[in-house]
Amino acid sequence: QISLGIGEILIICASVFTVIANVICKKFCEKVNPLWTTGISQIAGGALLTVVGLVCGGKLHSISWLGGGIGIYILFATIVSYSIWYTVVQKNDLSYLFIEKLSEPLFSAIIGAILLQENVFTLQYAIAFACVLIAVLISNIRKNEDSDSSKLLPQKR
């Protein structure tokens, strides 16, 4: 029997929203520097998460030097990683990048299961693996068709 908990549902939603955001960012990154895209997305996302946290009853009781240092490290790592990602999005075709983004939940689940010593040989994991495999195969078929069709076009001299 397959059952999805709130954690699995949120991971799937995060992946879907990441794909939607990358389609929007692809258009945005064509005109704007990836570092600016990162800054705008971090400010908007931080504001949204702050509002949701406060609305849901979250409180910030105290801030320590260690906590502040960890927060700054996470902020720096996030800015660097998203700047690199938006640069990759700007320069590459999204169809190839989506395979990587959509496989994140699969690898997160597998690594989490290994760390938590869960059984990974279940129907859920088999279905997830099959979906990723199908996506890779479709991408490769499309890539081969595109390269074959480009050979049929007349060459400029």
N, C-alpha and C. Protein backbone atom coordinates (compact mmCIF):
# COMPACT_ATOMS: atom_id res chain seq x y z
N GLN A 1 0.84 -1.16 0.00
CA GLN A 1 0.00 0.00 0.00
C GLN A 1 0.89 1.24 0.00
N ILE A 2 0.58 2.17 -0.88
CA ILE A 2 1.35 3.41 -0.99
C ILE A 2 0.65 4.49 -0.18
N SER A 3 1.41 5.12 0.69
CA SER A 3 0.86 6.24 1.46
C SER A 3 1.89 7.37 1.46
N LEU A 4 1.38 8.56 1.26
CA LEU A 4 2.25 9.74 1.26
C LEU A 4 1.97 10.56 2.51
N GLY A 5 3.03 10.88 3.22
CA GLY A 5 2.91 11.76 4.38
C GLY A 5 3.05 13.20 3.94
N ILE A 6 2.89 14.10 4.88
CA ILE A 6 2.99 15.53 4.57
C ILE A 6 4.39 15.89 4.08
N GLY A 7 5.42 15.22 4.59
CA GLY A 7 6.78 15.49 4.15
C GLY A 7 6.99 15.17 2.69
N GLU A 8 6.50 14.02 2.27
CA GLU A 8 6.64 13.62 0.86
C GLU A 8 5.86 14.54 -0.06
N ILE A 9 4.67 14.92 0.38
CA ILE A 9 3.84 15.83 -0.43
C ILE A 9 4.53 17.18 -0.57
N LEU A 10 5.12 17.68 0.51
CA LEU A 10 5.81 18.97 0.45
C LEU A 10 7.05 18.90 -0.45
N ILE A 11 7.76 17.78 -0.44
CA ILE A 11 8.92 17.63 -1.31
C ILE A 11 8.49 17.64 -2.77
N ILE A 12 7.41 16.94 -3.10
CA ILE A 12 6.90 16.92 -4.48
C ILE A 12 6.45 18.32 -4.88
N CYS A 13 5.74 19.01 -4.00
CA CYS A 13 5.30 20.38 -4.31
C CYS A 13 6.50 21.30 -4.52
N ALA A 14 7.52 21.16 -3.70
CA ALA A 14 8.72 21.99 -3.85
C ALA A 14 9.36 21.76 -5.21
N SER A 15 9.40 20.53 -5.67
CA SER A 15 9.98 20.23 -6.98
C SER A 15 9.15 20.85 -8.10
N VAL A 16 7.85 20.72 -8.01
CA VAL A 16 6.98 21.30 -9.04
C VAL A 16 7.12 22.81 -9.07
N PHE A 17 7.12 23.44 -7.91
CA PHE A 17 7.26 24.90 -7.86
C PHE A 17 8.64 25.35 -8.32
N THR A 18 9.66 24.52 -8.10
CA THR A 18 11.00 24.83 -8.58
C THR A 18 11.01 24.85 -10.10
N VAL A 19 10.34 23.90 -10.72
CA VAL A 19 10.27 23.86 -12.18
C VAL A 19 9.55 25.10 -12.71
N ILE A 20 8.44 25.45 -12.09
CA ILE A 20 7.69 26.65 -12.51
C ILE A 20 8.56 27.89 -12.35
N ALA A 21 9.25 27.99 -11.22
CA ALA A 21 10.12 29.15 -10.98
C ALA A 21 11.25 29.21 -11.99
N ASN A 22 11.80 28.06 -12.38
CA ASN A 22 12.89 28.07 -13.34
C ASN A 22 12.43 28.49 -14.73
N VAL A 23 11.20 28.16 -15.10
CA VAL A 23 10.67 28.62 -16.39
C VAL A 23 10.57 30.15 -16.36
N ILE A 24 10.07 30.68 -15.27
CA ILE A 24 9.96 32.14 -15.14
C ILE A 24 11.36 32.77 -15.11
N CYS A 25 12.27 32.16 -14.35
CA CYS A 25 13.63 32.70 -14.22
C CYS A 25 14.40 32.64 -15.53
N LYS A 26 14.12 31.63 -16.36
CA LYS A 26 14.80 31.52 -17.66
C LYS A 26 14.52 32.78 -18.48
N LYS A 27 13.26 33.22 -18.49
CA LYS A 27 12.90 34.44 -19.22
C LYS A 27 13.52 35.66 -18.56
N PHE A 28 13.51 35.68 -17.24
CA PHE A 28 14.04 36.81 -16.48
C PHE A 28 15.55 36.90 -16.62
N CYS A 29 16.24 35.75 -16.58
CA CYS A 29 17.71 35.72 -16.64
C CYS A 29 18.25 36.11 -18.01
N GLU A 30 17.41 36.05 -19.03
CA GLU A 30 17.87 36.48 -20.35
C GLU A 30 18.18 37.97 -20.37
N LYS A 31 17.52 38.73 -19.48
CA LYS A 31 17.68 40.17 -19.47
C LYS A 31 18.41 40.71 -18.24
N VAL A 32 18.49 39.89 -17.18
CA VAL A 32 19.02 40.36 -15.89
C VAL A 32 20.17 39.46 -15.45
N ASN A 33 21.15 40.06 -14.80
CA ASN A 33 22.29 39.33 -14.26
C ASN A 33 21.81 38.29 -13.24
N PRO A 34 22.37 37.06 -13.27
CA PRO A 34 21.96 36.01 -12.33
C PRO A 34 22.12 36.40 -10.85
N LEU A 35 23.09 37.26 -10.53
CA LEU A 35 23.25 37.69 -9.15
C LEU A 35 22.07 38.54 -8.70
N TRP A 36 21.57 39.39 -9.60
CA TRP A 36 20.37 40.17 -9.29
C TRP A 36 19.16 39.27 -9.14
N THR A 37 19.06 38.27 -10.00
CA THR A 37 17.95 37.32 -9.90
C THR A 37 17.98 36.62 -8.55
N THR A 38 19.18 36.23 -8.10
CA THR A 38 19.33 35.59 -6.80
C THR A 38 18.89 36.53 -5.69
N GLY A 39 19.34 37.77 -5.74
CA GLY A 39 18.97 38.74 -4.71
C GLY A 39 17.47 38.96 -4.63
N ILE A 40 16.85 39.13 -5.78
CA ILE A 40 15.41 39.36 -5.81
C ILE A 40 14.66 38.15 -5.26
N SER A 41 15.08 36.94 -5.69
CA SER A 41 14.38 35.74 -5.22
C SER A 41 14.61 35.51 -3.73
N GLN A 42 15.80 35.82 -3.21
CA GLN A 42 16.07 35.64 -1.78
C GLN A 42 15.28 36.62 -0.93
N ILE A 43 15.18 37.86 -1.38
CA ILE A 43 14.40 38.85 -0.63
C ILE A 43 12.92 38.49 -0.64
N ALA A 44 12.39 38.14 -1.82
CA ALA A 44 10.97 37.79 -1.91
C ALA A 44 10.67 36.52 -1.11
N GLY A 45 11.52 35.51 -1.25
CA GLY A 45 11.31 34.27 -0.51
C GLY A 45 11.45 34.46 0.99
N GLY A 46 12.44 35.24 1.41
CA GLY A 46 12.62 35.51 2.83
C GLY A 46 11.43 36.26 3.43
N ALA A 47 10.93 37.24 2.69
CA ALA A 47 9.76 37.99 3.17
C ALA A 47 8.54 37.09 3.28
N LEU A 48 8.33 36.25 2.27
CA LEU A 48 7.19 35.33 2.29
C LEU A 48 7.29 34.35 3.45
N LEU A 49 8.48 33.75 3.65
CA LEU A 49 8.66 32.81 4.75
C LEU A 49 8.51 33.49 6.11
N THR A 50 8.95 34.72 6.23
CA THR A 50 8.80 35.46 7.48
C THR A 50 7.32 35.70 7.79
N VAL A 51 6.58 36.14 6.79
CA VAL A 51 5.15 36.39 6.98
C VAL A 51 4.42 35.09 7.34
N VAL A 52 4.69 34.01 6.61
CA VAL A 52 4.05 32.72 6.90
C VAL A 52 4.42 32.26 8.30
N GLY A 53 5.69 32.40 8.68
CA GLY A 53 6.12 31.99 10.02
C GLY A 53 5.41 32.77 11.11
N LEU A 54 5.29 34.08 10.94
CA LEU A 54 4.61 34.91 11.94
C LEU A 54 3.12 34.62 12.00
N VAL A 55 2.49 34.43 10.84
CA VAL A 55 1.06 34.11 10.79
C VAL A 55 0.78 32.77 11.47
N CYS A 56 1.69 31.83 11.33
CA CYS A 56 1.52 30.49 11.93
C CYS A 56 1.96 30.45 13.39
N GLY A 57 2.30 31.58 13.97
CA GLY A 57 2.62 31.63 15.40
C GLY A 57 4.09 31.52 15.74
N GLY A 58 4.96 31.63 14.76
CA GLY A 58 6.39 31.55 15.03
C GLY A 58 6.90 32.77 15.78
N LYS A 59 7.87 32.54 16.64
CA LYS A 59 8.47 33.63 17.41
C LYS A 59 9.98 33.46 17.44
N LEU A 60 10.68 34.57 17.48
CA LEU A 60 12.13 34.56 17.58
C LEU A 60 12.48 35.04 18.99
N HIS A 61 12.86 34.09 19.87
CA HIS A 61 13.07 34.42 21.28
C HIS A 61 14.43 35.04 21.54
N SER A 62 15.47 34.46 20.98
CA SER A 62 16.81 35.02 21.23
C SER A 62 17.72 34.69 20.05
N ILE A 63 18.75 35.52 19.91
CA ILE A 63 19.73 35.32 18.86
C ILE A 63 21.10 35.20 19.53
N SER A 64 21.82 34.14 19.23
CA SER A 64 23.16 33.97 19.79
C SER A 64 24.20 34.22 18.70
N TRP A 65 25.46 34.39 19.10
CA TRP A 65 26.53 34.57 18.12
C TRP A 65 26.67 33.35 17.24
N LEU A 66 26.56 32.17 17.85
CA LEU A 66 26.67 30.94 17.08
C LEU A 66 25.52 30.81 16.08
N GLY A 67 24.31 31.09 16.54
CA GLY A 67 23.16 31.04 15.64
C GLY A 67 23.27 32.06 14.51
N GLY A 68 23.72 33.26 14.84
CA GLY A 68 23.91 34.29 13.82
C GLY A 68 24.97 33.89 12.81
N GLY A 69 26.06 33.29 13.30
CA GLY A 69 27.12 32.83 12.39
C GLY A 69 26.62 31.73 11.46
N ILE A 70 25.84 30.81 12.00
CA ILE A 70 25.28 29.74 11.16
C ILE A 70 24.32 30.34 10.14
N GLY A 71 23.53 31.31 10.57
CA GLY A 71 22.61 31.97 9.65
C GLY A 71 23.34 32.68 8.51
N ILE A 72 24.43 33.36 8.83
CA ILE A 72 25.22 34.05 7.80
C ILE A 72 25.85 33.04 6.85
N TYR A 73 26.35 31.93 7.40
CA TYR A 73 26.93 30.87 6.54
C TYR A 73 25.87 30.32 5.59
N ILE A 74 24.69 30.02 6.10
CA ILE A 74 23.61 29.48 5.25
C ILE A 74 23.22 30.50 4.19
N LEU A 75 23.13 31.77 4.58
CA LEU A 75 22.80 32.82 3.62
C LEU A 75 23.85 32.90 2.51
N PHE A 76 25.13 32.89 2.89
CA PHE A 76 26.21 32.95 1.90
C PHE A 76 26.18 31.73 0.97
N ALA A 77 26.02 30.53 1.54
CA ALA A 77 25.98 29.31 0.73
C ALA A 77 24.79 29.32 -0.23
N THR A 78 23.66 29.83 0.23
CA THR A 78 22.47 29.90 -0.61
C THR A 78 22.68 30.87 -1.76
N ILE A 79 23.23 32.03 -1.47
CA ILE A 79 23.46 33.04 -2.51
C ILE A 79 24.43 32.51 -3.56
N VAL A 80 25.52 31.89 -3.13
CA VAL A 80 26.49 31.35 -4.08
C VAL A 80 25.86 30.25 -4.93
N SER A 81 25.17 29.32 -4.28
CA SER A 81 24.61 28.19 -5.04
C SER A 81 23.53 28.64 -6.01
N TYR A 82 22.65 29.56 -5.59
CA TYR A 82 21.62 30.02 -6.51
C TYR A 82 22.19 30.90 -7.62
N SER A 83 23.22 31.67 -7.34
CA SER A 83 23.86 32.45 -8.41
C SER A 83 24.44 31.52 -9.47
N ILE A 84 25.08 30.45 -9.02
CA ILE A 84 25.60 29.47 -9.98
C ILE A 84 24.46 28.82 -10.74
N TRP A 85 23.39 28.44 -10.04
CA TRP A 85 22.25 27.79 -10.70
C TRP A 85 21.63 28.71 -11.74
N TYR A 86 21.40 29.98 -11.41
CA TYR A 86 20.78 30.90 -12.37
C TYR A 86 21.70 31.17 -13.56
N THR A 87 23.01 31.12 -13.35
CA THR A 87 23.94 31.23 -14.47
C THR A 87 23.80 30.03 -15.40
N VAL A 88 23.67 28.84 -14.81
CA VAL A 88 23.46 27.62 -15.61
C VAL A 88 22.12 27.70 -16.35
N VAL A 89 21.08 28.18 -15.67
CA VAL A 89 19.76 28.32 -16.30
C VAL A 89 19.84 29.30 -17.47
N GLN A 90 20.60 30.38 -17.28
CA GLN A 90 20.72 31.40 -18.32
C GLN A 90 21.39 30.86 -19.58
N LYS A 91 22.34 29.96 -19.43
CA LYS A 91 23.16 29.53 -20.55
C LYS A 91 22.76 28.18 -21.15
N ASN A 92 21.82 27.46 -20.53
CA ASN A 92 21.48 26.12 -21.00
C ASN A 92 19.99 25.96 -21.24
N ASP A 93 19.65 24.90 -21.97
CA ASP A 93 18.26 24.57 -22.26
C ASP A 93 17.61 23.97 -21.01
N LEU A 94 16.44 24.46 -20.66
CA LEU A 94 15.77 24.01 -19.43
C LEU A 94 15.37 22.54 -19.46
N SER A 95 15.08 22.01 -20.64
CA SER A 95 14.61 20.62 -20.70
C SER A 95 15.65 19.65 -20.13
N TYR A 96 16.91 19.96 -20.28
CA TYR A 96 17.95 19.10 -19.72
C TYR A 96 18.14 19.34 -18.22
N LEU A 97 17.91 20.57 -17.80
CA LEU A 97 18.08 20.90 -16.38
C LEU A 97 16.93 20.36 -15.54
N PHE A 98 15.73 20.21 -16.14
CA PHE A 98 14.58 19.73 -15.39
C PHE A 98 14.77 18.29 -14.92
N ILE A 99 15.48 17.52 -15.69
CA ILE A 99 15.73 16.14 -15.28
C ILE A 99 16.48 16.15 -13.95
N GLU A 100 17.47 17.02 -13.85
CA GLU A 100 18.22 17.12 -12.60
C GLU A 100 17.34 17.61 -11.46
N LYS A 101 16.56 18.65 -11.70
CA LYS A 101 15.73 19.22 -10.64
C LYS A 101 14.65 18.25 -10.19
N LEU A 102 14.06 17.53 -11.13
CA LEU A 102 12.99 16.60 -10.75
C LEU A 102 13.52 15.34 -10.10
N SER A 103 14.81 15.09 -10.21
CA SER A 103 15.38 13.91 -9.56
C SER A 103 15.81 14.22 -8.12
N GLU A 104 15.80 15.49 -7.72
CA GLU A 104 16.17 15.84 -6.35
C GLU A 104 15.35 15.11 -5.29
N PRO A 105 14.01 15.06 -5.42
CA PRO A 105 13.24 14.35 -4.39
C PRO A 105 13.60 12.87 -4.31
N LEU A 106 13.88 12.28 -5.45
CA LEU A 106 14.25 10.86 -5.45
C LEU A 106 15.54 10.65 -4.66
N PHE A 107 16.55 11.43 -4.97
CA PHE A 107 17.82 11.27 -4.27
C PHE A 107 17.72 11.70 -2.81
N SER A 108 16.90 12.69 -2.52
CA SER A 108 16.69 13.09 -1.12
C SER A 108 16.06 11.95 -0.34
N ALA A 109 15.08 11.30 -0.95
CA ALA A 109 14.41 10.19 -0.26
C ALA A 109 15.37 9.02 -0.06
N ILE A 110 16.16 8.72 -1.07
CA ILE A 110 17.09 7.59 -0.96
C ILE A 110 18.16 7.87 0.09
N ILE A 111 18.75 9.06 0.04
CA ILE A 111 19.79 9.40 1.02
C ILE A 111 19.20 9.46 2.43
N GLY A 112 18.00 10.04 2.55
CA GLY A 112 17.34 10.07 3.85
C GLY A 112 17.04 8.68 4.37
N ALA A 113 16.60 7.81 3.47
CA ALA A 113 16.30 6.43 3.88
C ALA A 113 17.56 5.70 4.32
N ILE A 114 18.65 5.94 3.63
CA ILE A 114 19.92 5.30 4.02
C ILE A 114 20.38 5.81 5.38
N LEU A 115 20.32 7.13 5.57
CA LEU A 115 20.75 7.70 6.84
C LEU A 115 19.85 7.26 8.00
N LEU A 116 18.56 7.11 7.71
CA LEU A 116 17.61 6.69 8.75
C LEU A 116 17.44 5.17 8.80
N GLN A 117 18.19 4.48 7.97
CA GLN A 117 18.18 3.02 7.90
C GLN A 117 16.78 2.48 7.61
N GLU A 118 16.13 3.09 6.63
CA GLU A 118 14.81 2.63 6.20
C GLU A 118 14.96 1.66 5.04
N ASN A 119 13.92 0.91 4.77
CA ASN A 119 13.90 -0.02 3.66
C ASN A 119 13.61 0.77 2.37
N VAL A 120 14.56 0.78 1.45
CA VAL A 120 14.39 1.52 0.20
C VAL A 120 13.84 0.63 -0.92
N PHE A 121 13.68 -0.65 -0.66
CA PHE A 121 13.18 -1.56 -1.68
C PHE A 121 11.67 -1.70 -1.56
N THR A 122 10.98 -0.58 -1.83
CA THR A 122 9.52 -0.57 -1.78
C THR A 122 8.97 -0.11 -3.13
N LEU A 123 7.68 -0.24 -3.29
CA LEU A 123 7.03 0.14 -4.53
C LEU A 123 7.18 1.64 -4.80
N GLN A 124 7.14 2.46 -3.75
CA GLN A 124 7.28 3.90 -3.92
C GLN A 124 8.60 4.26 -4.60
N TYR A 125 9.68 3.67 -4.12
CA TYR A 125 10.98 3.97 -4.69
C TYR A 125 11.12 3.41 -6.09
N ALA A 126 10.52 2.27 -6.35
CA ALA A 126 10.57 1.70 -7.69
C ALA A 126 9.83 2.60 -8.68
N ILE A 127 8.69 3.13 -8.28
CA ILE A 127 7.93 4.03 -9.15
C ILE A 127 8.71 5.32 -9.39
N ALA A 128 9.30 5.88 -8.36
CA ALA A 128 10.10 7.11 -8.50
C ALA A 128 11.28 6.88 -9.43
N PHE A 129 11.96 5.75 -9.26
CA PHE A 129 13.09 5.42 -10.13
C PHE A 129 12.64 5.27 -11.57
N ALA A 130 11.50 4.62 -11.78
CA ALA A 130 10.98 4.44 -13.14
C ALA A 130 10.65 5.79 -13.78
N CYS A 131 10.09 6.71 -13.01
CA CYS A 131 9.76 8.05 -13.54
C CYS A 131 11.02 8.79 -13.97
N VAL A 132 12.04 8.76 -13.15
CA VAL A 132 13.30 9.43 -13.49
C VAL A 132 13.91 8.77 -14.72
N LEU A 133 13.89 7.45 -14.76
CA LEU A 133 14.45 6.72 -15.90
C LEU A 133 13.72 7.08 -17.20
N ILE A 134 12.41 7.14 -17.15
CA ILE A 134 11.61 7.50 -18.32
C ILE A 134 11.95 8.92 -18.77
N ALA A 135 12.09 9.84 -17.82
CA ALA A 135 12.44 11.23 -18.17
C ALA A 135 13.79 11.30 -18.87
N VAL A 136 14.75 10.55 -18.37
CA VAL A 136 16.09 10.53 -18.99
C VAL A 136 16.00 9.95 -20.39
N LEU A 137 15.27 8.87 -20.55
CA LEU A 137 15.14 8.24 -21.87
C LEU A 137 14.45 9.17 -22.86
N ILE A 138 13.38 9.81 -22.44
CA ILE A 138 12.68 10.76 -23.33
C ILE A 138 13.59 11.90 -23.72
N SER A 139 14.35 12.42 -22.77
CA SER A 139 15.28 13.51 -23.07
C SER A 139 16.32 13.08 -24.08
N ASN A 140 16.85 11.87 -23.93
CA ASN A 140 17.85 11.39 -24.88
C ASN A 140 17.26 11.14 -26.25
N ILE A 141 16.05 10.65 -26.31
CA ILE A 141 15.39 10.44 -27.61
C ILE A 141 15.19 11.78 -28.30
N ARG A 142 14.71 12.79 -27.55
CA ARG A 142 14.50 14.11 -28.12
C ARG A 142 15.82 14.72 -28.59
N LYS A 143 16.87 14.51 -27.81
CA LYS A 143 18.18 15.06 -28.17
C LYS A 143 18.67 14.43 -29.47
N ASN A 144 18.49 13.10 -29.60
CA ASN A 144 18.91 12.41 -30.83
C ASN A 144 18.08 12.85 -32.02
N GLU A 145 16.77 13.04 -31.83
CA GLU A 145 15.92 13.50 -32.92
C GLU A 145 16.31 14.91 -33.36
N ASP A 146 16.63 15.77 -32.38
CA ASP A 146 17.05 17.13 -32.73
C ASP A 146 18.35 17.13 -33.51
N SER A 147 19.30 16.29 -33.12
CA SER A 147 20.57 16.26 -33.84
C SER A 147 20.40 15.64 -35.22
N ASP A 148 19.50 14.65 -35.34
CA ASP A 148 19.23 14.04 -36.65
C ASP A 148 18.54 15.03 -37.57
N SER A 149 17.60 15.81 -37.05
CA SER A 149 16.88 16.76 -37.89
C SER A 149 17.79 17.92 -38.31
N SER A 150 18.76 18.27 -37.48
CA SER A 150 19.67 19.35 -37.87
C SER A 150 20.59 18.92 -39.01
N LYS A 151 20.81 17.62 -39.15
CA LYS A 151 21.63 17.12 -40.26
C LYS A 151 20.89 17.23 -41.58
N LEU A 152 19.55 17.25 -41.53
CA LEU A 152 18.75 17.32 -42.74
C LEU A 152 18.64 18.73 -43.29
N LEU A 153 18.92 19.72 -42.45
CA LEU A 153 18.82 21.11 -42.90
C LEU A 153 19.98 21.43 -43.85
N PRO A 154 19.71 22.28 -44.84
CA PRO A 154 20.80 22.66 -45.74
C PRO A 154 21.88 23.43 -44.98
N GLN A 155 23.10 23.12 -45.28
CA GLN A 155 24.23 23.76 -44.61
C GLN A 155 24.58 25.06 -45.32
N LYS A 156 24.92 26.09 -44.53
CA LYS A 156 25.34 27.37 -45.11
C LYS A 156 26.78 27.25 -45.55
N ARG A 157 27.08 27.90 -46.62
CA ARG A 157 28.46 27.85 -47.14
C ARG A 157 29.12 29.19 -47.02
